[in-house]
C-alpha atoms as a PDB file:
ATOM      1  CA  MET A   1      66.998 165.408 -83.683  1.00  0.00           C
ATOM      2  CA  ARG A   2      70.372 164.555 -82.134  1.00  0.00           C
ATOM      3  CA  LYS A   3      69.667 166.720 -79.113  1.00  0.00           C
ATOM      4  CA  TRP A   4      66.391 164.963 -78.490  1.00  0.00           C
ATOM      5  CA  TRP A   5      68.029 161.524 -78.612  1.00  0.00           C
ATOM      6  CA  GLU A   6      70.875 162.654 -76.447  1.00  0.00           C
ATOM      7  CA  GLU A   7      68.475 164.036 -73.844  1.00  0.00           C
ATOM      8  CA  ALA A   8      66.430 160.823 -73.956  1.00  0.00           C
ATOM      9  CA  ALA A   9      69.605 158.777 -73.493  1.00  0.00           C
ATOM     10  CA  ARG A  10      70.614 160.932 -70.561  1.00  0.00           C
ATOM     11  CA  ASN A  11      67.184 160.548 -68.985  1.00  0.00           C
ATOM     12  CA  ALA A  12      67.306 156.789 -69.483  1.00  0.00           C
ATOM     13  CA  GLU A  13      70.771 156.625 -67.898  1.00  0.00           C
ATOM     14  CA  ALA A  14      69.596 158.787 -64.985  1.00  0.00           C
ATOM     15  CA  ALA A  15      66.546 156.547 -64.537  1.00  0.00           C
ATOM     16  CA  SER A  16      68.792 153.470 -64.581  1.00  0.00           C
ATOM     17  CA  GLN A  17      71.110 155.021 -61.998  1.00  0.00           C
ATOM     18  CA  SER A  18      68.114 155.971 -59.846  1.00  0.00           C
ATOM     19  CA  ALA A  19      66.784 152.411 -60.056  1.00  0.00           C
ATOM     20  CA  ALA A  20      70.207 151.030 -59.123  1.00  0.00           C
ATOM     21  CA  ALA A  21      70.430 153.477 -56.216  1.00  0.00           C
ATOM     22  CA  ALA A  22      66.939 152.442 -55.091  1.00  0.00           C
ATOM     23  CA  LYS A  23      67.960 148.770 -55.133  1.00  0.00           C
ATOM     24  CA  LYS A  24      71.088 149.582 -53.151  1.00  0.00           C
ATOM     25  CA  SER A  25      68.999 151.513 -50.639  1.00  0.00           C
ATOM     26  CA  GLU A  26      66.538 148.628 -50.414  1.00  0.00           C
ATOM     27  CA  THR A  27      69.398 146.156 -49.924  1.00  0.00           C
ATOM     28  CA  ALA A  28      70.972 148.400 -47.266  1.00  0.00           C
ATOM     29  CA  ALA A  29      67.607 148.686 -45.505  1.00  0.00           C
ATOM     30  CA  ALA A  30      67.229 144.890 -45.495  1.00  0.00           C
ATOM     31  CA  SER A  31      70.771 144.521 -44.144  1.00  0.00           C
ATOM     32  CA  SER A  32      70.059 147.090 -41.444  1.00  0.00           C
ATOM     33  CA  LYS A  33      66.862 145.248 -40.566  1.00  0.00           C
ATOM     34  CA  ASN A  34      68.731 141.957 -40.285  1.00  0.00           C
ATOM     35  CA  ALA A  35      71.443 143.622 -38.218  1.00  0.00           C
ATOM     36  CA  ALA A  36      68.765 145.037 -35.901  1.00  0.00           C
ATOM     37  CA  LYS A  37      67.236 141.573 -35.472  1.00  0.00           C
ATOM     38  CA  THR A  38      70.667 140.115 -34.793  1.00  0.00           C
ATOM     39  CA  SER A  39      71.379 142.828 -32.223  1.00  0.00           C
ATOM     40  CA  GLU A  40      68.004 142.182 -30.601  1.00  0.00           C
ATOM     41  CA  THR A  41      68.720 138.445 -30.456  1.00  0.00           C
ATOM     42  CA  ASN A  42      72.183 139.090 -29.019  1.00  0.00           C
ATOM     43  CA  ALA A  43      70.669 141.391 -26.404  1.00  0.00           C
ATOM     44  CA  ALA A  44      68.167 138.695 -25.401  1.00  0.00           C
ATOM     45  CA  ASN A  45      70.958 136.121 -25.208  1.00  0.00           C
ATOM     46  CA  SER A  46      73.048 138.503 -23.108  1.00  0.00           C
ATOM     47  CA  ALA A  47      70.114 139.029 -20.738  1.00  0.00           C
ATOM     48  CA  GLN A  48      69.646 135.269 -20.389  1.00  0.00           C
ATOM     49  CA  ALA A  49      73.374 134.788 -19.794  1.00  0.00           C
ATOM     50  CA  ALA A  50      73.332 137.533 -17.152  1.00  0.00           C
ATOM     51  CA  ALA A  51      70.382 135.872 -15.391  1.00  0.00           C
ATOM     52  CA  ALA A  52      72.152 132.500 -15.503  1.00  0.00           C
ATOM     53  CA  SER A  53      75.315 134.117 -14.151  1.00  0.00           C
ATOM     54  CA  GLN A  54      73.374 135.677 -11.278  1.00  0.00           C
ATOM     55  CA  THR A  55      71.782 132.322 -10.473  1.00  0.00           C
ATOM     56  CA  ALA A  56      75.191 130.604 -10.538  1.00  0.00           C
ATOM     57  CA  SER A  57      76.619 133.303  -8.272  1.00  0.00           C
ATOM     58  CA  ALA A  58      73.753 132.840  -5.818  1.00  0.00           C
ATOM     59  CA  ASN A  59      74.285 129.073  -5.854  1.00  0.00           C
ATOM     60  CA  SER A  60      78.009 129.534  -5.261  1.00  0.00           C
ATOM     61  CA  ALA A  61      77.298 131.856  -2.328  1.00  0.00           C
ATOM     62  CA  THR A  62      74.877 129.308  -0.850  1.00  0.00           C
ATOM     63  CA  ALA A  63      77.445 126.520  -1.256  1.00  0.00           C
ATOM     64  CA  ALA A  64      80.096 128.696   0.397  1.00  0.00           C
ATOM     65  CA  LYS A  65      77.809 129.351   3.365  1.00  0.00           C
ATOM     66  CA  LYS A  66      77.072 125.624   3.687  1.00  0.00           C
ATOM     67  CA  SER A  67      80.788 124.848   3.595  1.00  0.00           C
ATOM     68  CA  GLU A  68      81.431 127.476   6.251  1.00  0.00           C
ATOM     69  CA  THR A  69      78.652 126.020   8.427  1.00  0.00           C
ATOM     70  CA  ASN A  70      80.075 122.516   7.999  1.00  0.00           C
ATOM     71  CA  ALA A  71      83.523 123.799   8.914  1.00  0.00           C
ATOM     72  CA  LYS A  72      82.154 125.378  12.095  1.00  0.00           C
ATOM     73  CA  ASN A  73      80.297 122.173  12.971  1.00  0.00           C
ATOM     74  CA  SER A  74      83.454 120.131  12.415  1.00  0.00           C
ATOM     75  CA  GLU A  75      85.428 122.551  14.564  1.00  0.00           C
ATOM     76  CA  THR A  76      82.819 122.251  17.329  1.00  0.00           C
ATOM     77  CA  ALA A  77      82.962 118.451  17.069  1.00  0.00           C
ATOM     78  CA  ALA A  78      86.765 118.584  17.271  1.00  0.00           C
ATOM     79  CA  THR A  79      86.564 120.719  20.419  1.00  0.00           C
ATOM     80  CA  THR A  80      84.070 118.293  21.963  1.00  0.00           C
ATOM     81  CA  SER A  81      86.286 115.318  21.095  1.00  0.00           C
ATOM     82  CA  GLU A  82      89.292 117.083  22.585  1.00  0.00           C
ATOM     83  CA  THR A  83      87.327 117.785  25.779  1.00  0.00           C
ATOM     84  CA  ASN A  84      86.249 114.143  25.950  1.00  0.00           C
ATOM     85  CA  ALA A  85      89.851 113.054  25.419  1.00  0.00           C
ATOM     86  CA  LYS A  86      90.997 115.239  28.318  1.00  0.00           C
ATOM     87  CA  SER A  87      88.195 113.844  30.500  1.00  0.00           C
ATOM     88  CA  SER A  88      89.253 110.308  29.578  1.00  0.00           C
ATOM     89  CA  GLN A  89      92.862 111.151  30.422  1.00  0.00           C
ATOM     90  CA  THR A  90      91.779 112.504  33.800  1.00  0.00           C
ATOM     91  CA  ALA A  91      89.703 109.370  34.435  1.00  0.00           C
ATOM     92  CA  ALA A  92      92.681 107.210  33.440  1.00  0.00           C
ATOM     93  CA  LYS A  93      94.961 109.057  35.861  1.00  0.00           C
ATOM     94  CA  THR A  94      92.361 108.704  38.629  1.00  0.00           C
ATOM     95  CA  SER A  95      92.023 104.971  37.928  1.00  0.00           C
ATOM     96  CA  GLU A  96      95.802 104.623  37.932  1.00  0.00           C
ATOM     97  CA  THR A  97      96.005 106.433  41.282  1.00  0.00           C
ATOM     98  CA  ASN A  98      93.280 104.192  42.700  1.00  0.00           C
ATOM     99  CA  ALA A  99      95.126 101.128  41.407  1.00  0.00           C
ATOM    100  CA  LYS A 100      98.317 102.234  43.152  1.00  0.00           C
ATOM    101  CA  ALA A 101      96.374 102.899  46.346  1.00  0.00           C
ATOM    102  CA  SER A 102      94.767  99.444  46.120  1.00  0.00           C
ATOM    103  CA  GLU A 103      98.167  97.881  45.491  1.00  0.00           C
ATOM    104  CA  THR A 104      99.590  99.689  48.537  1.00  0.00           C
ATOM    105  CA  ALA A 105      96.611  98.552  50.593  1.00  0.00           C
ATOM    106  CA  ALA A 106      97.193  94.993  49.387  1.00  0.00           C
ATOM    107  CA  LYS A 107     100.843  95.151  50.427  1.00  0.00           C
ATOM    108  CA  ASN A 108      99.841  96.563  53.794  1.00  0.00           C
ATOM    109  CA  SER A 109      97.328  93.752  54.157  1.00  0.00           C
ATOM    110  CA  GLN A 110     100.010  91.223  53.300  1.00  0.00           C
ATOM    111  CA  VAL A 111     102.330  92.761  55.913  1.00  0.00           C
ATOM    112  CA  SER A 112      99.532  92.748  58.463  1.00  0.00           C
ATOM    113  CA  ALA A 113      98.730  89.142  57.620  1.00  0.00           C
ATOM    114  CA  ALA A 114     102.375  88.144  58.061  1.00  0.00           C
ATOM    115  CA  GLN A 115     102.546  89.993  61.351  1.00  0.00           C
ATOM    116  CA  SER A 116      99.325  88.368  62.474  1.00  0.00           C
ATOM    117  CA  GLU A 117     100.696  84.958  61.494  1.00  0.00           C
ATOM    118  CA  SER A 118     103.916  85.536  63.439  1.00  0.00           C
ATOM    119  CA  ALA A 119     102.194  87.084  66.456  1.00  0.00           C
ATOM    120  CA  ALA A 120      99.268  84.647  66.686  1.00  0.00           C
ATOM    121  CA  ALA A 121     100.620  81.201  66.007  1.00  0.00           C
ATOM    122  CA  GLY A 122      97.654  79.762  67.847  1.00  0.00           C
ATOM    123  CA  SER A 123      95.105  81.754  65.793  1.00  0.00           C
ATOM    124  CA  ALA A 124      95.433  79.806  62.547  1.00  0.00           C
ATOM    125  CA  THR A 125      91.865  80.569  61.556  1.00  0.00           C
ATOM    126  CA  SER A 126      92.399  84.318  61.890  1.00  0.00           C
ATOM    127  CA  ALA A 127      95.629  84.088  59.916  1.00  0.00           C
ATOM    128  CA  ALA A 128      93.877  82.178  57.133  1.00  0.00           C
ATOM    129  CA  GLY A 129      91.177  84.845  57.042  1.00  0.00           C
ATOM    130  CA  SER A 130      93.801  87.566  56.759  1.00  0.00           C
ATOM    131  CA  ALA A 131      95.525  85.666  53.936  1.00  0.00           C
ATOM    132  CA  THR A 132      92.206  85.409  52.096  1.00  0.00           C
ATOM    133  CA  ALA A 133      91.641  89.137  52.564  1.00  0.00           C
ATOM    134  CA  ALA A 134      95.134  89.805  51.212  1.00  0.00           C
ATOM    135  CA  ALA A 135      94.448  87.653  48.142  1.00  0.00           C
ATOM    136  CA  ASN A 136      91.176  89.490  47.533  1.00  0.00           C
ATOM    137  CA  SER A 137      92.969  92.814  47.859  1.00  0.00           C
ATOM    138  CA  GLN A 138      95.532  91.673  45.284  1.00  0.00           C
ATOM    139  CA  LYS A 139      92.737  90.692  42.908  1.00  0.00           C
ATOM    140  CA  ALA A 140      91.100  94.071  43.437  1.00  0.00           C
ATOM    141  CA  ALA A 141      94.432  95.768  42.759  1.00  0.00           C
ATOM    142  CA  LYS A 142      94.906  93.820  39.496  1.00  0.00           C
ATOM    143  CA  THR A 143      91.340  94.616  38.444  1.00  0.00           C
ATOM    144  CA  SER A 144      91.903  98.335  39.111  1.00  0.00           C
ATOM    145  CA  GLU A 145      95.169  98.193  37.162  1.00  0.00           C
ATOM    146  CA  THR A 146      93.397  96.526  34.207  1.00  0.00           C
ATOM    147  CA  ASN A 147      90.692  99.212  34.316  1.00  0.00           C
ATOM    148  CA  ALA A 148      93.377 101.897  34.358  1.00  0.00           C
ATOM    149  CA  LYS A 149      94.985 100.448  31.200  1.00  0.00           C
ATOM    150  CA  SER A 150      91.572 100.289  29.483  1.00  0.00           C
ATOM    151  CA  SER A 151      90.962 103.942  30.373  1.00  0.00           C
ATOM    152  CA  GLN A 152      94.378 104.892  28.952  1.00  0.00           C
ATOM    153  CA  THR A 153      93.553 103.071  25.702  1.00  0.00           C
ATOM    154  CA  ALA A 154      90.197 104.891  25.497  1.00  0.00           C
ATOM    155  CA  ALA A 155      91.979 108.197  26.090  1.00  0.00           C
ATOM    156  CA  LYS A 156      94.394 107.535  23.203  1.00  0.00           C
ATOM    157  CA  THR A 157      91.472 106.609  20.932  1.00  0.00           C
ATOM    158  CA  SER A 158      89.675 109.847  21.854  1.00  0.00           C
ATOM    159  CA  GLU A 159      92.841 111.841  21.109  1.00  0.00           C
ATOM    160  CA  THR A 160      93.105 110.176  17.682  1.00  0.00           C
ATOM    161  CA  ASN A 161      89.441 110.983  16.937  1.00  0.00           C
ATOM    162  CA  ALA A 162      89.981 114.580  18.050  1.00  0.00           C
ATOM    163  CA  LYS A 163      92.930 114.975  15.664  1.00  0.00           C
ATOM    164  CA  ALA A 164      90.894 113.470  12.803  1.00  0.00           C
ATOM    165  CA  SER A 165      88.029 115.891  13.530  1.00  0.00           C
ATOM    166  CA  GLU A 166      90.447 118.840  13.560  1.00  0.00           C
ATOM    167  CA  THR A 167      91.855 117.719  10.195  1.00  0.00           C
ATOM    168  CA  ALA A 168      88.318 117.478   8.748  1.00  0.00           C
ATOM    169  CA  ALA A 169      87.506 120.954  10.088  1.00  0.00           C
ATOM    170  CA  LYS A 170      90.606 122.442   8.432  1.00  0.00           C
ATOM    171  CA  SER A 171      89.740 120.718   5.116  1.00  0.00           C
ATOM    172  CA  SER A 172      86.193 122.139   5.235  1.00  0.00           C
ATOM    173  CA  GLN A 173      87.539 125.641   5.972  1.00  0.00           C
ATOM    174  CA  ASP A 174      90.006 125.353   3.036  1.00  0.00           C
ATOM    175  CA  ALA A 175      87.162 124.223   0.718  1.00  0.00           C
ATOM    176  CA  ALA A 176      85.007 127.163   1.843  1.00  0.00           C
ATOM    177  CA  ALA A 177      87.904 129.584   1.212  1.00  0.00           C
ATOM    178  CA  GLN A 178      88.473 128.118  -2.271  1.00  0.00           C
ATOM    179  CA  SER A 179      84.747 128.424  -3.115  1.00  0.00           C
ATOM    180  CA  GLU A 180      84.725 132.088  -2.053  1.00  0.00           C
ATOM    181  CA  SER A 181      87.945 132.899  -3.963  1.00  0.00           C
ATOM    182  CA  ALA A 182      86.678 131.174  -7.142  1.00  0.00           C
ATOM    183  CA  GLN A 183      83.451 133.234  -7.314  1.00  0.00           C
ATOM    184  CA  PRO A 184      84.963 136.466  -8.746  1.00  0.00           C
ATOM    185  CA  VAL A 185      86.790 134.507 -11.484  1.00  0.00           C
ATOM    186  CA  LEU A 186      83.623 132.632 -12.461  1.00  0.00           C
ATOM    187  CA  GLN A 187      81.599 135.848 -12.540  1.00  0.00           C
ATOM    188  CA  ALA A 188      84.231 137.557 -14.718  1.00  0.00           C
ATOM    189  CA  ARG A 189      84.272 134.672 -17.196  1.00  0.00           C
ATOM    190  CA  ARG A 190      80.472 134.585 -17.417  1.00  0.00           C
ATOM    191  CA  LEU A 191      80.341 138.321 -18.049  1.00  0.00           C
ATOM    192  CA  LEU A 192      83.116 138.253 -20.683  1.00  0.00           C
ATOM    193  CA  LEU A 193      81.676 135.275 -22.619  1.00  0.00           C
ATOM    194  CA  PRO A 194      78.589 137.123 -23.997  1.00  0.00           C
ATOM    195  CA  LEU A 195      80.803 140.086 -25.021  1.00  0.00           C
ATOM    196  CA  HIS A 196      83.127 137.726 -26.865  1.00  0.00           C
ATOM    197  CA  GLN A 197      80.171 136.116 -28.651  1.00  0.00           C
ATOM    198  CA  LEU A 198      78.834 139.544 -29.684  1.00  0.00           C
ATOM    199  CA  THR A 199      82.254 140.496 -31.064  1.00  0.00           C
ATOM    200  CA  VAL A 200      82.488 137.280 -33.096  1.00  0.00           C
ATOM    201  CA  LYS A 201      78.949 137.703 -34.510  1.00  0.00           C
ATOM    202  CA  SER A 202      79.575 141.353 -35.391  1.00  0.00           C
ATOM    203  CA  SER A 203      82.777 140.460 -37.239  1.00  0.00           C
ATOM    204  CA  LYS A 204      80.944 137.733 -39.168  1.00  0.00           C
ATOM    205  CA  ASN A 205      78.110 140.114 -40.159  1.00  0.00           C
ATOM    206  CA  GLN A 206      80.650 142.642 -41.427  1.00  0.00           C
END
């Protein structure tokens, strides 16, 4: 009788252990299933992050190209302004030369008028006409001189604008260079972020 009860007790204990093992297996299977779902979700999130990173990289490349184009346009504008400034300087020098020539002509007219006055005391009308011509020549000389000063002022303004355009072109080139140099860092951060998130989630699940 004792052997029968002992065998029954052993069978009951074995059945209990088998049931406990089955529950553990079932629990492990559920955990594995949850881990698989988590991994699948993380994979989907990683794919979305990768797509977003690619889009951001493409946008950064487009912005860099636009900045480069703007820099080239600014550089072209600076060159044009510099050319205009040189043309204005040349025009100012020409006006100044013409003013000096007009002034010399006025002085010559004055000398001629004085000579005519001295030589033709009886030709008062002719002398008066020469004096009028001399006065007109002086006015023309002053007008040419005023125009020359205006041209010089315009030339200085054009030079100032040219320098400002060159400064803007350099700023645009620096911005384009910074955009291009920042792209690898941004891409590295976007690629490392999903890996960091996966590591944190895995450590929490464990």
